[in-house]
Amino acid sequence: MAAGCSGTPESIASTPSATLTIGAPASLEEQFIAVASKVSPSVVAIHTDVGVGSGVVFDQRGDIVTNAHVDAGSKTHRVFLATGQSYAATLVGSFAPDDLAVLHIAGTNLTAARFADSDRLRVGSIVMAIGSPLGRKAR
């Protein structure tokens, strides 16, 4: 879900990846909207007994990547998909030093996110984080 800043307007128009180019503000805004639209079906809201947060469908097996602070030692987790479906989730694991956690749901027909190649990022690259603010589903 990272987007780098490179290319020409012609290459951007013909490339279905999340690569952006610096251009007129409206053009850059439109490109961000397009990336968000493409990723939004994979964004989930997570409700726990200690709060709310967001995550992303990592794979079609039901693994959800989120932040460790979203789990925060919660005993219950409920994942709300962009489709409106919700599932009880179990914690697979959490690693607080990197603020990373993985939940698992028994969902079907899940839309997994397609991640950009982080090896292509450089200092100064534009990146985009898409979430579910206040536990609301992404639109």
C-alpha atoms as a PDB file:
ATOM      1  CA  MET A   1       0.000   0.000   0.000  1.00  0.00           C
ATOM      2  CA  ALA A   2       2.944   2.268  -0.486  1.00  0.00           C
ATOM      3  CA  ALA A   3       3.008   4.585  -3.452  1.00  0.00           C
ATOM      4  CA  GLY A   4       6.203   6.006  -4.858  1.00  0.00           C
ATOM      5  CA  CYS A   5       6.563   9.207  -6.827  1.00  0.00           C
ATOM      6  CA  SER A   6       8.008   8.600 -10.293  1.00  0.00           C
ATOM      7  CA  GLY A   7       7.251   8.176 -13.967  1.00  0.00           C
ATOM      8  CA  THR A   8       5.676  10.281 -16.669  1.00  0.00           C
ATOM      9  CA  PRO A   9       1.975  11.069 -17.072  1.00  0.00           C
ATOM     10  CA  GLU A  10       1.865   8.653 -20.014  1.00  0.00           C
ATOM     11  CA  SER A  11       3.439   5.795 -18.029  1.00  0.00           C
ATOM     12  CA  ILE A  12       1.142   6.437 -15.081  1.00  0.00           C
ATOM     13  CA  ALA A  13      -1.957   6.246 -17.269  1.00  0.00           C
ATOM     14  CA  SER A  14      -0.930   2.841 -18.636  1.00  0.00           C
ATOM     15  CA  THR A  15       0.393   1.322 -15.388  1.00  0.00           C
ATOM     16  CA  PRO A  16      -2.103  -0.337 -13.014  1.00  0.00           C
ATOM     17  CA  SER A  17       0.283  -0.166 -10.051  1.00  0.00           C
ATOM     18  CA  ALA A  18       0.267   2.287  -7.157  1.00  0.00           C
ATOM     19  CA  THR A  19       2.994   4.474  -8.668  1.00  0.00           C
ATOM     20  CA  LEU A  20       2.303   8.208  -8.664  1.00  0.00           C
ATOM     21  CA  THR A  21       3.789  11.156 -10.476  1.00  0.00           C
ATOM     22  CA  ILE A  22       4.102  14.740  -9.284  1.00  0.00           C
ATOM     23  CA  GLY A  23       1.863  16.939 -11.390  1.00  0.00           C
ATOM     24  CA  ALA A  24      -0.863  19.478 -10.938  1.00  0.00           C
ATOM     25  CA  PRO A  25      -2.468  19.232  -7.465  1.00  0.00           C
ATOM     26  CA  ALA A  26      -5.754  17.978  -8.925  1.00  0.00           C
ATOM     27  CA  SER A  27      -3.904  15.272 -10.870  1.00  0.00           C
ATOM     28  CA  LEU A  28      -2.022  14.093  -7.777  1.00  0.00           C
ATOM     29  CA  GLU A  29      -5.252  14.159  -5.784  1.00  0.00           C
ATOM     30  CA  GLU A  30      -7.018  12.083  -8.434  1.00  0.00           C
ATOM     31  CA  GLN A  31      -4.207   9.536  -8.337  1.00  0.00           C
ATOM     32  CA  PHE A  32      -4.455   9.264  -4.540  1.00  0.00           C
ATOM     33  CA  ILE A  33      -8.225   8.795  -4.834  1.00  0.00           C
ATOM     34  CA  ALA A  34      -7.670   6.027  -7.398  1.00  0.00           C
ATOM     35  CA  VAL A  35      -5.201   4.198  -5.142  1.00  0.00           C
ATOM     36  CA  ALA A  36      -7.529   4.521  -2.129  1.00  0.00           C
ATOM     37  CA  SER A  37     -10.440   3.212  -4.219  1.00  0.00           C
ATOM     38  CA  LYS A  38      -8.429   0.203  -5.311  1.00  0.00           C
ATOM     39  CA  VAL A  39      -7.289  -0.686  -1.774  1.00  0.00           C
ATOM     40  CA  SER A  40     -10.504   0.138   0.131  1.00  0.00           C
ATOM     41  CA  PRO A  41     -12.156  -3.287  -0.412  1.00  0.00           C
ATOM     42  CA  SER A  42      -9.269  -4.788   1.610  1.00  0.00           C
ATOM     43  CA  VAL A  43      -9.476  -2.313   4.502  1.00  0.00           C
ATOM     44  CA  VAL A  44     -11.229  -3.551   7.644  1.00  0.00           C
ATOM     45  CA  ALA A  45     -12.493  -1.991  10.847  1.00  0.00           C
ATOM     46  CA  ILE A  46     -11.550  -3.811  14.036  1.00  0.00           C
ATOM     47  CA  HIS A  47     -13.538  -3.531  17.259  1.00  0.00           C
ATOM     48  CA  THR A  48     -12.059  -4.926  20.475  1.00  0.00           C
ATOM     49  CA  ASP A  49     -13.058  -4.775  24.127  1.00  0.00           C
ATOM     50  CA  VAL A  50     -10.492  -1.966  24.569  1.00  0.00           C
ATOM     51  CA  GLY A  51     -11.189   0.179  21.484  1.00  0.00           C
ATOM     52  CA  VAL A  52     -11.361   0.351  17.713  1.00  0.00           C
ATOM     53  CA  GLY A  53      -8.841   0.420  14.898  1.00  0.00           C
ATOM     54  CA  SER A  54      -8.256  -0.707  11.365  1.00  0.00           C
ATOM     55  CA  GLY A  55      -6.353  -3.303   9.429  1.00  0.00           C
ATOM     56  CA  VAL A  56      -6.053  -4.856   6.013  1.00  0.00           C
ATOM     57  CA  VAL A  57      -6.874  -8.283   4.582  1.00  0.00           C
ATOM     58  CA  PHE A  58      -3.452  -9.815   4.007  1.00  0.00           C
ATOM     59  CA  ASP A  59      -4.516 -13.011   2.251  1.00  0.00           C
ATOM     60  CA  GLN A  60      -7.608 -14.951   1.213  1.00  0.00           C
ATOM     61  CA  ARG A  61      -7.098 -17.422   4.090  1.00  0.00           C
ATOM     62  CA  GLY A  62      -8.433 -14.806   6.519  1.00  0.00           C
ATOM     63  CA  ASP A  63      -5.254 -13.263   7.914  1.00  0.00           C
ATOM     64  CA  ILE A  64      -5.667  -9.607   8.864  1.00  0.00           C
ATOM     65  CA  VAL A  65      -2.675  -7.320   9.492  1.00  0.00           C
ATOM     66  CA  THR A  66      -3.131  -4.556  12.043  1.00  0.00           C
ATOM     67  CA  ASN A  67      -1.186  -2.700  14.707  1.00  0.00           C
ATOM     68  CA  ALA A  68      -0.317  -4.191  18.076  1.00  0.00           C
ATOM     69  CA  HIS A  69      -1.831  -1.149  19.779  1.00  0.00           C
ATOM     70  CA  VAL A  70      -5.197  -2.057  18.189  1.00  0.00           C
ATOM     71  CA  ASP A  71      -5.056  -5.449  19.946  1.00  0.00           C
ATOM     72  CA  ALA A  72      -3.671  -3.922  23.192  1.00  0.00           C
ATOM     73  CA  GLY A  73      -4.253  -7.162  25.123  1.00  0.00           C
ATOM     74  CA  SER A  74      -7.913  -7.397  24.147  1.00  0.00           C
ATOM     75  CA  LYS A  75      -9.842 -10.576  24.885  1.00  0.00           C
ATOM     76  CA  THR A  76     -12.278 -10.108  21.980  1.00  0.00           C
ATOM     77  CA  HIS A  77     -11.798  -8.980  18.382  1.00  0.00           C
ATOM     78  CA  ARG A  78     -14.445  -8.375  15.714  1.00  0.00           C
ATOM     79  CA  VAL A  79     -13.480  -7.574  12.119  1.00  0.00           C
ATOM     80  CA  PHE A  80     -15.842  -5.634   9.851  1.00  0.00           C
ATOM     81  CA  LEU A  81     -15.170  -6.005   6.125  1.00  0.00           C
ATOM     82  CA  ALA A  82     -15.827  -3.261   3.595  1.00  0.00           C
ATOM     83  CA  THR A  83     -18.775  -5.389   2.405  1.00  0.00           C
ATOM     84  CA  GLY A  84     -20.459  -4.952   5.789  1.00  0.00           C
ATOM     85  CA  GLN A  85     -19.893  -8.563   6.867  1.00  0.00           C
ATOM     86  CA  SER A  86     -18.384  -9.055  10.311  1.00  0.00           C
ATOM     87  CA  TYR A  87     -16.473 -11.937  11.837  1.00  0.00           C
ATOM     88  CA  ALA A  88     -15.139 -12.851  15.253  1.00  0.00           C
ATOM     89  CA  ALA A  89     -11.357 -12.864  15.045  1.00  0.00           C
ATOM     90  CA  THR A  90      -8.606 -14.605  16.944  1.00  0.00           C
ATOM     91  CA  LEU A  91      -5.187 -13.171  17.653  1.00  0.00           C
ATOM     92  CA  VAL A  92      -2.485 -15.058  15.747  1.00  0.00           C
ATOM     93  CA  GLY A  93       0.340 -13.000  17.226  1.00  0.00           C
ATOM     94  CA  SER A  94       1.473  -9.566  18.251  1.00  0.00           C
ATOM     95  CA  PHE A  95       4.885  -7.862  18.305  1.00  0.00           C
ATOM     96  CA  ALA A  96       4.689  -4.618  20.282  1.00  0.00           C
ATOM     97  CA  PRO A  97       8.223  -3.312  19.467  1.00  0.00           C
ATOM     98  CA  ASP A  98       7.216  -2.988  15.782  1.00  0.00           C
ATOM     99  CA  ASP A  99       3.523  -2.277  16.576  1.00  0.00           C
ATOM    100  CA  LEU A 100       2.421  -5.232  14.451  1.00  0.00           C
ATOM    101  CA  ALA A 101      -0.313  -7.816  15.023  1.00  0.00           C
ATOM    102  CA  VAL A 102      -2.068 -10.469  12.963  1.00  0.00           C
ATOM    103  CA  LEU A 103      -5.663 -11.559  13.467  1.00  0.00           C
ATOM    104  CA  HIS A 104      -7.458 -14.443  11.765  1.00  0.00           C
ATOM    105  CA  ILE A 105     -11.073 -14.680  10.617  1.00  0.00           C
ATOM    106  CA  ALA A 106     -12.995 -17.550   9.057  1.00  0.00           C
ATOM    107  CA  GLY A 107     -14.220 -15.371   6.190  1.00  0.00           C
ATOM    108  CA  THR A 108     -14.759 -16.389   2.595  1.00  0.00           C
ATOM    109  CA  ASN A 109     -14.372 -14.490  -0.683  1.00  0.00           C
ATOM    110  CA  LEU A 110     -11.944 -12.059   0.954  1.00  0.00           C
ATOM    111  CA  THR A 111     -10.258  -9.348  -1.079  1.00  0.00           C
ATOM    112  CA  ALA A 112      -6.576  -9.375  -0.151  1.00  0.00           C
ATOM    113  CA  ALA A 113      -4.601  -6.153  -0.519  1.00  0.00           C
ATOM    114  CA  ARG A 114      -1.881  -5.940  -3.132  1.00  0.00           C
ATOM    115  CA  PHE A 115       1.182  -4.429  -1.512  1.00  0.00           C
ATOM    116  CA  ALA A 116       3.735  -2.303  -3.333  1.00  0.00           C
ATOM    117  CA  ASP A 117       7.403  -3.312  -3.450  1.00  0.00           C
ATOM    118  CA  SER A 118       8.918  -1.622  -0.396  1.00  0.00           C
ATOM    119  CA  ASP A 119      12.419  -2.271  -1.773  1.00  0.00           C
ATOM    120  CA  ARG A 120      11.696   0.416  -4.385  1.00  0.00           C
ATOM    121  CA  LEU A 121      11.072   3.126  -1.775  1.00  0.00           C
ATOM    122  CA  ARG A 122      13.667   5.837  -1.269  1.00  0.00           C
ATOM    123  CA  VAL A 123      14.023   8.692   1.178  1.00  0.00           C
ATOM    124  CA  GLY A 124      11.512  11.281   0.016  1.00  0.00           C
ATOM    125  CA  SER A 125       9.127   8.791  -1.619  1.00  0.00           C
ATOM    126  CA  ILE A 126       5.457   9.602  -1.177  1.00  0.00           C
ATOM    127  CA  VAL A 127       3.645   6.824   0.663  1.00  0.00           C
ATOM    128  CA  MET A 128       0.010   6.435   1.562  1.00  0.00           C
ATOM    129  CA  ALA A 129      -1.593   4.844   4.619  1.00  0.00           C
ATOM    130  CA  ILE A 130      -5.230   3.882   4.239  1.00  0.00           C
ATOM    131  CA  GLY A 131      -7.225   2.916   7.291  1.00  0.00           C
ATOM    132  CA  SER A 132     -10.614   2.925   8.889  1.00  0.00           C
ATOM    133  CA  PRO A 133     -10.727   6.015  11.125  1.00  0.00           C
ATOM    134  CA  LEU A 134     -12.751   5.581  14.299  1.00  0.00           C
ATOM    135  CA  GLY A 135     -13.671   2.041  13.278  1.00  0.00           C
ATOM    136  CA  ARG A 136     -15.735   3.092  10.272  1.00  0.00           C
ATOM    137  CA  LYS A 137     -15.623   1.141   7.055  1.00  0.00           C
ATOM    138  CA  ALA A 138     -13.593   2.746   4.258  1.00  0.00           C
ATOM    139  CA  ARG A 139     -15.522   4.243   1.334  1.00  0.00           C
END
